[in-house]
mmCIF file of all heavy atoms, coordinates in Angstrom:
data_MODEL
# 
_entry.id   MODEL 
# 
loop_
_atom_site.group_PDB 
_atom_site.id 
_atom_site.type_symbol 
_atom_site.label_atom_id 
_atom_site.label_alt_id 
_atom_site.label_comp_id 
_atom_site.label_asym_id 
_atom_site.label_entity_id 
_atom_site.label_seq_id 
_atom_site.pdbx_PDB_ins_code 
_atom_site.Cartn_x 
_atom_site.Cartn_y 
_atom_site.Cartn_z 
_atom_site.occupancy 
_atom_site.B_iso_or_equiv 
_atom_site.pdbx_formal_charge 
_atom_site.auth_seq_id 
_atom_site.auth_comp_id 
_atom_site.auth_asym_id 
_atom_site.auth_atom_id 
_atom_site.pdbx_PDB_model_num 
ATOM 1   N N   . ASP A 1 1  ? 98.913  109.331 102.591 1.00 0.00 ? 1  ASP A N   1 
ATOM 2   C CA  . ASP A 1 1  ? 100.009 110.252 102.807 1.00 0.00 ? 1  ASP A CA  1 
ATOM 3   C C   . ASP A 1 1  ? 100.224 110.259 104.298 1.00 0.00 ? 1  ASP A C   1 
ATOM 4   O O   . ASP A 1 1  ? 99.504  109.552 105.091 1.00 0.00 ? 1  ASP A O   1 
ATOM 5   C CB  . ASP A 1 1  ? 99.676  111.633 102.341 1.00 0.00 ? 1  ASP A CB  1 
ATOM 6   C CG  . ASP A 1 1  ? 100.851 112.509 102.187 1.00 0.00 ? 1  ASP A CG  1 
ATOM 7   O OD1 . ASP A 1 1  ? 101.993 112.115 102.454 1.00 0.00 ? 1  ASP A OD1 1 
ATOM 8   O OD2 . ASP A 1 1  ? 100.669 113.654 101.693 1.00 0.00 ? 1  ASP A OD2 1 
ATOM 9   N N   . GLN A 1 2  ? 101.211 111.032 104.782 1.00 0.00 ? 2  GLN A N   1 
ATOM 10  C CA  . GLN A 1 2  ? 101.460 111.155 106.130 1.00 0.00 ? 2  GLN A CA  1 
ATOM 11  C C   . GLN A 1 2  ? 101.410 112.619 106.586 1.00 0.00 ? 2  GLN A C   1 
ATOM 12  O O   . GLN A 1 2  ? 101.773 113.517 105.796 1.00 0.00 ? 2  GLN A O   1 
ATOM 13  C CB  . GLN A 1 2  ? 102.863 110.649 106.490 1.00 0.00 ? 2  GLN A CB  1 
ATOM 14  C CG  . GLN A 1 2  ? 103.025 109.136 106.469 1.00 0.00 ? 2  GLN A CG  1 
ATOM 15  C CD  . GLN A 1 2  ? 104.395 108.805 106.859 1.00 0.00 ? 2  GLN A CD  1 
ATOM 16  O OE1 . GLN A 1 2  ? 105.354 108.732 106.060 1.00 0.00 ? 2  GLN A OE1 1 
ATOM 17  N NE2 . GLN A 1 2  ? 104.639 108.465 108.130 1.00 0.00 ? 2  GLN A NE2 1 
ATOM 18  N N   . SER A 1 3  ? 100.874 112.901 107.732 1.00 0.00 ? 3  SER A N   1 
ATOM 19  C CA  . SER A 1 3  ? 100.790 114.300 108.301 1.00 0.00 ? 3  SER A CA  1 
ATOM 20  C C   . SER A 1 3  ? 102.205 114.842 108.426 1.00 0.00 ? 3  SER A C   1 
ATOM 21  O O   . SER A 1 3  ? 103.052 114.157 108.943 1.00 0.00 ? 3  SER A O   1 
ATOM 22  C CB  . SER A 1 3  ? 100.053 114.195 109.624 1.00 0.00 ? 3  SER A CB  1 
ATOM 23  O OG  . SER A 1 3  ? 100.246 115.400 110.330 1.00 0.00 ? 3  SER A OG  1 
ATOM 24  N N   . HIS A 1 4  ? 102.305 116.075 108.034 1.00 0.00 ? 4  HIS A N   1 
ATOM 25  C CA  . HIS A 1 4  ? 103.598 116.745 108.230 1.00 0.00 ? 4  HIS A CA  1 
ATOM 26  C C   . HIS A 1 4  ? 103.761 117.145 109.761 1.00 0.00 ? 4  HIS A C   1 
ATOM 27  O O   . HIS A 1 4  ? 104.900 117.375 110.111 1.00 0.00 ? 4  HIS A O   1 
ATOM 28  C CB  . HIS A 1 4  ? 103.677 118.022 107.335 1.00 0.00 ? 4  HIS A CB  1 
ATOM 29  C CG  . HIS A 1 4  ? 103.704 117.636 105.845 1.00 0.00 ? 4  HIS A CG  1 
ATOM 30  N ND1 . HIS A 1 4  ? 104.816 117.080 105.225 1.00 0.00 ? 4  HIS A ND1 1 
ATOM 31  C CD2 . HIS A 1 4  ? 102.800 117.808 104.991 1.00 0.00 ? 4  HIS A CD2 1 
ATOM 32  C CE1 . HIS A 1 4  ? 104.591 116.948 103.992 1.00 0.00 ? 4  HIS A CE1 1 
ATOM 33  N NE2 . HIS A 1 4  ? 103.277 117.351 103.730 1.00 0.00 ? 4  HIS A NE2 1 
ATOM 34  N N   . HIS A 1 5  ? 102.716 117.179 110.435 1.00 0.00 ? 5  HIS A N   1 
ATOM 35  C CA  . HIS A 1 5  ? 102.775 117.486 111.782 1.00 0.00 ? 5  HIS A CA  1 
ATOM 36  C C   . HIS A 1 5  ? 103.338 116.329 112.683 1.00 0.00 ? 5  HIS A C   1 
ATOM 37  O O   . HIS A 1 5  ? 104.267 116.582 113.509 1.00 0.00 ? 5  HIS A O   1 
ATOM 38  C CB  . HIS A 1 5  ? 101.368 117.968 112.332 1.00 0.00 ? 5  HIS A CB  1 
ATOM 39  C CG  . HIS A 1 5  ? 101.269 118.185 113.806 1.00 0.00 ? 5  HIS A CG  1 
ATOM 40  N ND1 . HIS A 1 5  ? 101.902 119.238 114.409 1.00 0.00 ? 5  HIS A ND1 1 
ATOM 41  C CD2 . HIS A 1 5  ? 100.650 117.535 114.758 1.00 0.00 ? 5  HIS A CD2 1 
ATOM 42  C CE1 . HIS A 1 5  ? 101.650 119.197 115.740 1.00 0.00 ? 5  HIS A CE1 1 
ATOM 43  N NE2 . HIS A 1 5  ? 100.930 118.162 115.936 1.00 0.00 ? 5  HIS A NE2 1 
ATOM 44  N N   . ASP A 1 6  ? 102.695 115.184 112.551 1.00 0.00 ? 6  ASP A N   1 
ATOM 45  C CA  . ASP A 1 6  ? 103.092 114.129 113.411 1.00 0.00 ? 6  ASP A CA  1 
ATOM 46  C C   . ASP A 1 6  ? 103.352 112.749 112.741 1.00 0.00 ? 6  ASP A C   1 
ATOM 47  O O   . ASP A 1 6  ? 103.669 111.780 113.388 1.00 0.00 ? 6  ASP A O   1 
ATOM 48  C CB  . ASP A 1 6  ? 102.084 113.856 114.544 1.00 0.00 ? 6  ASP A CB  1 
ATOM 49  C CG  . ASP A 1 6  ? 100.633 113.486 114.024 1.00 0.00 ? 6  ASP A CG  1 
ATOM 50  O OD1 . ASP A 1 6  ? 100.512 113.448 112.778 1.00 0.00 ? 6  ASP A OD1 1 
ATOM 51  O OD2 . ASP A 1 6  ? 99.714  113.475 114.835 1.00 0.00 ? 6  ASP A OD2 1 
ATOM 52  N N   . GLY A 1 7  ? 103.333 112.789 111.437 1.00 0.00 ? 7  GLY A N   1 
ATOM 53  C CA  . GLY A 1 7  ? 103.604 111.584 110.691 1.00 0.00 ? 7  GLY A CA  1 
ATOM 54  C C   . GLY A 1 7  ? 102.568 110.535 110.572 1.00 0.00 ? 7  GLY A C   1 
ATOM 55  O O   . GLY A 1 7  ? 102.668 109.403 110.014 1.00 0.00 ? 7  GLY A O   1 
ATOM 56  N N   . THR A 1 8  ? 101.355 110.797 111.136 1.00 0.00 ? 8  THR A N   1 
ATOM 57  C CA  . THR A 1 8  ? 100.277 109.754 111.135 1.00 0.00 ? 8  THR A CA  1 
ATOM 58  C C   . THR A 1 8  ? 99.559  109.758 109.763 1.00 0.00 ? 8  THR A C   1 
ATOM 59  O O   . THR A 1 8  ? 99.716  110.710 108.904 1.00 0.00 ? 8  THR A O   1 
ATOM 60  C CB  . THR A 1 8  ? 99.186  110.067 112.253 1.00 0.00 ? 8  THR A CB  1 
ATOM 61  O OG1 . THR A 1 8  ? 98.673  111.357 112.018 1.00 0.00 ? 8  THR A OG1 1 
ATOM 62  C CG2 . THR A 1 8  ? 99.810  109.924 113.579 1.00 0.00 ? 8  THR A CG2 1 
ATOM 63  N N   . VAL A 1 9  ? 98.888  108.669 109.580 1.00 0.00 ? 9  VAL A N   1 
ATOM 64  C CA  . VAL A 1 9  ? 98.239  108.424 108.256 1.00 0.00 ? 9  VAL A CA  1 
ATOM 65  C C   . VAL A 1 9  ? 97.195  109.446 107.920 1.00 0.00 ? 9  VAL A C   1 
ATOM 66  O O   . VAL A 1 9  ? 96.390  109.933 108.673 1.00 0.00 ? 9  VAL A O   1 
ATOM 67  C CB  . VAL A 1 9  ? 97.638  107.015 108.260 1.00 0.00 ? 9  VAL A CB  1 
ATOM 68  C CG1 . VAL A 1 9  ? 96.566  106.853 109.272 1.00 0.00 ? 9  VAL A CG1 1 
ATOM 69  C CG2 . VAL A 1 9  ? 97.097  106.623 106.872 1.00 0.00 ? 9  VAL A CG2 1 
ATOM 70  N N   . ILE A 1 10 ? 97.132  109.748 106.598 1.00 0.00 ? 10 ILE A N   1 
ATOM 71  C CA  . ILE A 1 10 ? 96.139  110.584 106.041 1.00 0.00 ? 10 ILE A CA  1 
ATOM 72  C C   . ILE A 1 10 ? 95.603  109.832 104.774 1.00 0.00 ? 10 ILE A C   1 
ATOM 73  O O   . ILE A 1 10 ? 96.449  109.345 103.951 1.00 0.00 ? 10 ILE A O   1 
ATOM 74  C CB  . ILE A 1 10 ? 96.624  111.916 105.532 1.00 0.00 ? 10 ILE A CB  1 
ATOM 75  C CG1 . ILE A 1 10 ? 97.160  112.745 106.718 1.00 0.00 ? 10 ILE A CG1 1 
ATOM 76  C CG2 . ILE A 1 10 ? 95.589  112.710 104.726 1.00 0.00 ? 10 ILE A CG2 1 
ATOM 77  C CD1 . ILE A 1 10 ? 97.838  114.046 106.302 1.00 0.00 ? 10 ILE A CD1 1 
ATOM 78  N N   . VAL A 1 11 ? 94.320  109.676 104.722 1.00 0.00 ? 11 VAL A N   1 
ATOM 79  C CA  . VAL A 1 11 ? 93.726  108.960 103.560 1.00 0.00 ? 11 VAL A CA  1 
ATOM 80  C C   . VAL A 1 11 ? 93.390  110.011 102.484 1.00 0.00 ? 11 VAL A C   1 
ATOM 81  O O   . VAL A 1 11 ? 92.596  110.924 102.722 1.00 0.00 ? 11 VAL A O   1 
ATOM 82  C CB  . VAL A 1 11 ? 92.497  108.168 103.932 1.00 0.00 ? 11 VAL A CB  1 
ATOM 83  C CG1 . VAL A 1 11 ? 91.854  107.462 102.678 1.00 0.00 ? 11 VAL A CG1 1 
ATOM 84  C CG2 . VAL A 1 11 ? 92.734  107.099 104.956 1.00 0.00 ? 11 VAL A CG2 1 
ATOM 85  N N   . LEU A 1 12 ? 94.052  109.971 101.384 1.00 0.00 ? 12 LEU A N   1 
ATOM 86  C CA  . LEU A 1 12 ? 93.828  110.923 100.306 1.00 0.00 ? 12 LEU A CA  1 
ATOM 87  C C   . LEU A 1 12 ? 92.569  110.581 99.550  1.00 0.00 ? 12 LEU A C   1 
ATOM 88  O O   . LEU A 1 12 ? 91.992  111.414 98.882  1.00 0.00 ? 12 LEU A O   1 
ATOM 89  C CB  . LEU A 1 12 ? 95.063  110.945 99.352  1.00 0.00 ? 12 LEU A CB  1 
ATOM 90  C CG  . LEU A 1 12 ? 96.357  111.305 100.027 1.00 0.00 ? 12 LEU A CG  1 
ATOM 91  C CD1 . LEU A 1 12 ? 97.501  111.089 99.035  1.00 0.00 ? 12 LEU A CD1 1 
ATOM 92  C CD2 . LEU A 1 12 ? 96.268  112.755 100.514 1.00 0.00 ? 12 LEU A CD2 1 
ATOM 93  N N   . ASN A 1 13 ? 92.292  109.282 99.373  1.00 0.00 ? 13 ASN A N   1 
ATOM 94  C CA  . ASN A 1 13 ? 91.219  108.833 98.520  1.00 0.00 ? 13 ASN A CA  1 
ATOM 95  C C   . ASN A 1 13 ? 90.537  107.691 99.268  1.00 0.00 ? 13 ASN A C   1 
ATOM 96  O O   . ASN A 1 13 ? 91.021  106.555 99.308  1.00 0.00 ? 13 ASN A O   1 
ATOM 97  C CB  . ASN A 1 13 ? 91.760  108.379 97.179  1.00 0.00 ? 13 ASN A CB  1 
ATOM 98  C CG  . ASN A 1 13 ? 90.624  108.042 96.197  1.00 0.00 ? 13 ASN A CG  1 
ATOM 99  O OD1 . ASN A 1 13 ? 89.487  107.927 96.571  1.00 0.00 ? 13 ASN A OD1 1 
ATOM 100 N ND2 . ASN A 1 13 ? 91.001  107.746 94.921  1.00 0.00 ? 13 ASN A ND2 1 
ATOM 101 N N   . THR A 1 14 ? 89.309  107.919 99.840  1.00 0.00 ? 14 THR A N   1 
ATOM 102 C CA  . THR A 1 14 ? 88.619  106.901 100.601 1.00 0.00 ? 14 THR A CA  1 
ATOM 103 C C   . THR A 1 14 ? 87.989  105.808 99.760  1.00 0.00 ? 14 THR A C   1 
ATOM 104 O O   . THR A 1 14 ? 87.581  104.805 100.354 1.00 0.00 ? 14 THR A O   1 
ATOM 105 C CB  . THR A 1 14 ? 87.553  107.514 101.506 1.00 0.00 ? 14 THR A CB  1 
ATOM 106 O OG1 . THR A 1 14 ? 86.624  108.279 100.700 1.00 0.00 ? 14 THR A OG1 1 
ATOM 107 C CG2 . THR A 1 14 ? 88.127  108.516 102.526 1.00 0.00 ? 14 THR A CG2 1 
ATOM 108 N N   . GLN A 1 15 ? 87.884  106.089 98.461  1.00 0.00 ? 15 GLN A N   1 
ATOM 109 C CA  . GLN A 1 15 ? 87.235  105.124 97.593  1.00 0.00 ? 15 GLN A CA  1 
ATOM 110 C C   . GLN A 1 15 ? 88.022  105.003 96.273  1.00 0.00 ? 15 GLN A C   1 
ATOM 111 O O   . GLN A 1 15 ? 87.573  105.348 95.226  1.00 0.00 ? 15 GLN A O   1 
ATOM 112 C CB  . GLN A 1 15 ? 85.774  105.473 97.271  1.00 0.00 ? 15 GLN A CB  1 
ATOM 113 C CG  . GLN A 1 15 ? 84.873  105.417 98.509  1.00 0.00 ? 15 GLN A CG  1 
ATOM 114 C CD  . GLN A 1 15 ? 83.415  105.660 98.262  1.00 0.00 ? 15 GLN A CD  1 
ATOM 115 O OE1 . GLN A 1 15 ? 83.146  106.610 97.392  1.00 0.00 ? 15 GLN A OE1 1 
ATOM 116 N NE2 . GLN A 1 15 ? 82.541  105.039 98.891  1.00 0.00 ? 15 GLN A NE2 1 
ATOM 117 N N   . PRO A 1 16 ? 89.225  104.437 96.347  1.00 0.00 ? 16 PRO A N   1 
ATOM 118 C CA  . PRO A 1 16 ? 90.055  104.428 95.201  1.00 0.00 ? 16 PRO A CA  1 
ATOM 119 C C   . PRO A 1 16 ? 89.586  103.354 94.219  1.00 0.00 ? 16 PRO A C   1 
ATOM 120 O O   . PRO A 1 16 ? 88.805  102.423 94.563  1.00 0.00 ? 16 PRO A O   1 
ATOM 121 C CB  . PRO A 1 16 ? 91.411  104.008 95.732  1.00 0.00 ? 16 PRO A CB  1 
ATOM 122 C CG  . PRO A 1 16 ? 91.140  103.224 97.041  1.00 0.00 ? 16 PRO A CG  1 
ATOM 123 C CD  . PRO A 1 16 ? 89.914  103.976 97.541  1.00 0.00 ? 16 PRO A CD  1 
ATOM 124 N N   . GLY A 1 17 ? 89.955  103.530 92.974  1.00 0.00 ? 17 GLY A N   1 
ATOM 125 C CA  . GLY A 1 17 ? 89.582  102.490 91.949  1.00 0.00 ? 17 GLY A CA  1 
ATOM 126 C C   . GLY A 1 17 ? 90.238  101.148 92.087  1.00 0.00 ? 17 GLY A C   1 
ATOM 127 O O   . GLY A 1 17 ? 91.181  101.025 92.915  1.00 0.00 ? 17 GLY A O   1 
ATOM 128 N N   . THR A 1 18 ? 89.754  100.238 91.352  1.00 0.00 ? 18 THR A N   1 
ATOM 129 C CA  . THR A 1 18 ? 90.245  98.835  91.508  1.00 0.00 ? 18 THR A CA  1 
ATOM 130 C C   . THR A 1 18 ? 91.733  98.785  91.075  1.00 0.00 ? 18 THR A C   1 
ATOM 131 O O   . THR A 1 18 ? 92.426  97.783  91.537  1.00 0.00 ? 18 THR A O   1 
ATOM 132 C CB  . THR A 1 18 ? 89.404  97.898  90.641  1.00 0.00 ? 18 THR A CB  1 
ATOM 133 O OG1 . THR A 1 18 ? 89.407  98.356  89.321  1.00 0.00 ? 18 THR A OG1 1 
ATOM 134 C CG2 . THR A 1 18 ? 87.950  97.762  91.204  1.00 0.00 ? 18 THR A CG2 1 
ATOM 135 N N   . GLU A 1 19 ? 92.215  99.650  90.337  1.00 0.00 ? 19 GLU A N   1 
ATOM 136 C CA  . GLU A 1 19 ? 93.610  99.629  89.966  1.00 0.00 ? 19 GLU A CA  1 
ATOM 137 C C   . GLU A 1 19 ? 94.532  99.876  91.147  1.00 0.00 ? 19 GLU A C   1 
ATOM 138 O O   . GLU A 1 19 ? 95.756  99.502  91.123  1.00 0.00 ? 19 GLU A O   1 
ATOM 139 C CB  . GLU A 1 19 ? 93.969  100.760 88.931  1.00 0.00 ? 19 GLU A CB  1 
ATOM 140 C CG  . GLU A 1 19 ? 93.862  102.143 89.387  1.00 0.00 ? 19 GLU A CG  1 
ATOM 141 C CD  . GLU A 1 19 ? 92.504  102.793 89.319  1.00 0.00 ? 19 GLU A CD  1 
ATOM 142 O OE1 . GLU A 1 19 ? 91.473  102.070 89.196  1.00 0.00 ? 19 GLU A OE1 1 
ATOM 143 O OE2 . GLU A 1 19 ? 92.341  103.976 89.441  1.00 0.00 ? 19 GLU A OE2 1 
ATOM 144 N N   . HIS A 1 20 ? 94.023  100.294 92.282  1.00 0.00 ? 20 HIS A N   1 
ATOM 145 C CA  . HIS A 1 20 ? 94.821  100.537 93.485  1.00 0.00 ? 20 HIS A CA  1 
ATOM 146 C C   . HIS A 1 20 ? 94.637  99.429  94.479  1.00 0.00 ? 20 HIS A C   1 
ATOM 147 O O   . HIS A 1 20 ? 95.225  99.397  95.564  1.00 0.00 ? 20 HIS A O   1 
ATOM 148 C CB  . HIS A 1 20 ? 94.475  101.890 94.205  1.00 0.00 ? 20 HIS A CB  1 
ATOM 149 C CG  . HIS A 1 20 ? 94.707  103.042 93.292  1.00 0.00 ? 20 HIS A CG  1 
ATOM 150 N ND1 . HIS A 1 20 ? 96.058  103.448 92.940  1.00 0.00 ? 20 HIS A ND1 1 
ATOM 151 C CD2 . HIS A 1 20 ? 93.942  103.898 92.634  1.00 0.00 ? 20 HIS A CD2 1 
ATOM 152 C CE1 . HIS A 1 20 ? 95.949  104.512 92.223  1.00 0.00 ? 20 HIS A CE1 1 
ATOM 153 N NE2 . HIS A 1 20 ? 94.739  104.795 91.999  1.00 0.00 ? 20 HIS A NE2 1 
ATOM 154 N N   . GLN A 1 21 ? 93.775  98.520  94.257  1.00 0.00 ? 21 GLN A N   1 
ATOM 155 C CA  . GLN A 1 21 ? 93.349  97.458  95.254  1.00 0.00 ? 21 GLN A CA  1 
ATOM 156 C C   . GLN A 1 21 ? 94.610  96.681  95.798  1.00 0.00 ? 21 GLN A C   1 
ATOM 157 O O   . GLN A 1 21 ? 94.692  96.460  96.945  1.00 0.00 ? 21 GLN A O   1 
ATOM 158 C CB  . GLN A 1 21 ? 92.327  96.515  94.659  1.00 0.00 ? 21 GLN A CB  1 
ATOM 159 C CG  . GLN A 1 21 ? 91.727  95.517  95.640  1.00 0.00 ? 21 GLN A CG  1 
ATOM 160 C CD  . GLN A 1 21 ? 90.499  94.855  95.165  1.00 0.00 ? 21 GLN A CD  1 
ATOM 161 O OE1 . GLN A 1 21 ? 89.976  95.146  94.191  1.00 0.00 ? 21 GLN A OE1 1 
ATOM 162 N NE2 . GLN A 1 21 ? 90.066  93.932  95.911  1.00 0.00 ? 21 GLN A NE2 1 
ATOM 163 N N   . ALA A 1 22 ? 95.430  96.244  94.840  1.00 0.00 ? 22 ALA A N   1 
ATOM 164 C CA  . ALA A 1 22 ? 96.571  95.423  95.258  1.00 0.00 ? 22 ALA A CA  1 
ATOM 165 C C   . ALA A 1 22 ? 97.471  96.249  96.197  1.00 0.00 ? 22 ALA A C   1 
ATOM 166 O O   . ALA A 1 22 ? 97.979  95.706  97.241  1.00 0.00 ? 22 ALA A O   1 
ATOM 167 C CB  . ALA A 1 22 ? 97.353  94.829  94.066  1.00 0.00 ? 22 ALA A CB  1 
ATOM 168 N N   . ASP A 1 23 ? 97.748  97.484  95.854  1.00 0.00 ? 23 ASP A N   1 
ATOM 169 C CA  . ASP A 1 23 ? 98.670  98.311  96.664  1.00 0.00 ? 23 ASP A CA  1 
ATOM 170 C C   . ASP A 1 23 ? 98.039  98.614  98.067  1.00 0.00 ? 23 ASP A C   1 
ATOM 171 O O   . ASP A 1 23 ? 98.717  98.651  99.080  1.00 0.00 ? 23 ASP A O   1 
ATOM 172 C CB  . ASP A 1 23 ? 98.972  99.598  95.888  1.00 0.00 ? 23 ASP A CB  1 
ATOM 173 C CG  . ASP A 1 23 ? 99.994  99.373  94.818  1.00 0.00 ? 23 ASP A CG  1 
ATOM 174 O OD1 . ASP A 1 23 ? 100.683 98.342  94.832  1.00 0.00 ? 23 ASP A OD1 1 
ATOM 175 O OD2 . ASP A 1 23 ? 100.023 100.210 93.892  1.00 0.00 ? 23 ASP A OD2 1 
ATOM 176 N N   . VAL A 1 24 ? 96.745  98.889  98.046  1.00 0.00 ? 24 VAL A N   1 
ATOM 177 C CA  . VAL A 1 24 ? 95.989  99.148  99.277  1.00 0.00 ? 24 VAL A CA  1 
ATOM 178 C C   . VAL A 1 24 ? 96.013  97.936  100.163 1.00 0.00 ? 24 VAL A C   1 
ATOM 179 O O   . VAL A 1 24 ? 96.319  98.055  101.362 1.00 0.00 ? 24 VAL A O   1 
ATOM 180 C CB  . VAL A 1 24 ? 94.591  99.585  98.955  1.00 0.00 ? 24 VAL A CB  1 
ATOM 181 C CG1 . VAL A 1 24 ? 93.764  99.590  100.315 1.00 0.00 ? 24 VAL A CG1 1 
ATOM 182 C CG2 . VAL A 1 24 ? 94.532  101.016 98.413  1.00 0.00 ? 24 VAL A CG2 1 
ATOM 183 N N   . GLN A 1 25 ? 95.773  96.790  99.605  1.00 0.00 ? 25 GLN A N   1 
ATOM 184 C CA  . GLN A 1 25 ? 95.789  95.585  100.433 1.00 0.00 ? 25 GLN A CA  1 
ATOM 185 C C   . GLN A 1 25 ? 97.218  95.291  101.009 1.00 0.00 ? 25 GLN A C   1 
ATOM 186 O O   . GLN A 1 25 ? 97.300  95.012  102.192 1.00 0.00 ? 25 GLN A O   1 
ATOM 187 C CB  . GLN A 1 25 ? 95.357  94.389  99.575  1.00 0.00 ? 25 GLN A CB  1 
ATOM 188 C CG  . GLN A 1 25 ? 95.135  93.137  100.452 1.00 0.00 ? 25 GLN A CG  1 
ATOM 189 C CD  . GLN A 1 25 ? 94.058  93.234  101.561 1.00 0.00 ? 25 GLN A CD  1 
ATOM 190 O OE1 . GLN A 1 25 ? 93.044  93.860  101.386 1.00 0.00 ? 25 GLN A OE1 1 
ATOM 191 N NE2 . GLN A 1 25 ? 94.365  92.745  102.763 1.00 0.00 ? 25 GLN A NE2 1 
ATOM 192 N N   . ALA A 1 26 ? 98.187  95.596  100.239 1.00 0.00 ? 26 ALA A N   1 
ATOM 193 C CA  . ALA A 1 26 ? 99.541  95.429  100.722 1.00 0.00 ? 26 ALA A CA  1 
ATOM 194 C C   . ALA A 1 26 ? 99.842  96.435  101.859 1.00 0.00 ? 26 ALA A C   1 
ATOM 195 O O   . ALA A 1 26 ? 100.420 96.107  102.911 1.00 0.00 ? 26 ALA A O   1 
ATOM 196 C CB  . ALA A 1 26 ? 100.589 95.577  99.654  1.00 0.00 ? 26 ALA A CB  1 
ATOM 197 N N   . ALA A 1 27 ? 99.347  97.704  101.700 1.00 0.00 ? 27 ALA A N   1 
ATOM 198 C CA  . ALA A 1 27 ? 99.593  98.679  102.825 1.00 0.00 ? 27 ALA A CA  1 
ATOM 199 C C   . ALA A 1 27 ? 98.895  98.282  103.987 1.00 0.00 ? 27 ALA A C   1 
ATOM 200 O O   . ALA A 1 27 ? 99.396  98.394  105.162 1.00 0.00 ? 27 ALA A O   1 
ATOM 201 C CB  . ALA A 1 27 ? 99.032  100.021 102.225 1.00 0.00 ? 27 ALA A CB  1 
ATOM 202 N N   . VAL A 1 28 ? 97.681  97.682  103.925 1.00 0.00 ? 28 VAL A N   1 
ATOM 203 C CA  . VAL A 1 28 ? 96.960  97.265  105.107 1.00 0.00 ? 28 VAL A CA  1 
ATOM 204 C C   . VAL A 1 28 ? 97.744  96.134  105.806 1.00 0.00 ? 28 VAL A C   1 
ATOM 205 O O   . VAL A 1 28 ? 97.868  96.134  107.052 1.00 0.00 ? 28 VAL A O   1 
ATOM 206 C CB  . VAL A 1 28 ? 95.512  96.741  104.716 1.00 0.00 ? 28 VAL A CB  1 
ATOM 207 C CG1 . VAL A 1 28 ? 94.921  95.960  105.895 1.00 0.00 ? 28 VAL A CG1 1 
ATOM 208 C CG2 . VAL A 1 28 ? 94.622  97.857  104.238 1.00 0.00 ? 28 VAL A CG2 1 
# 
């Protein structure tokens, strides 16, 4: 997510499941 204060990154889930791996890699 993004901070409402300054727009910087917020990690909502530091250890997401493998179902998120492709999206996380694309985000990186």
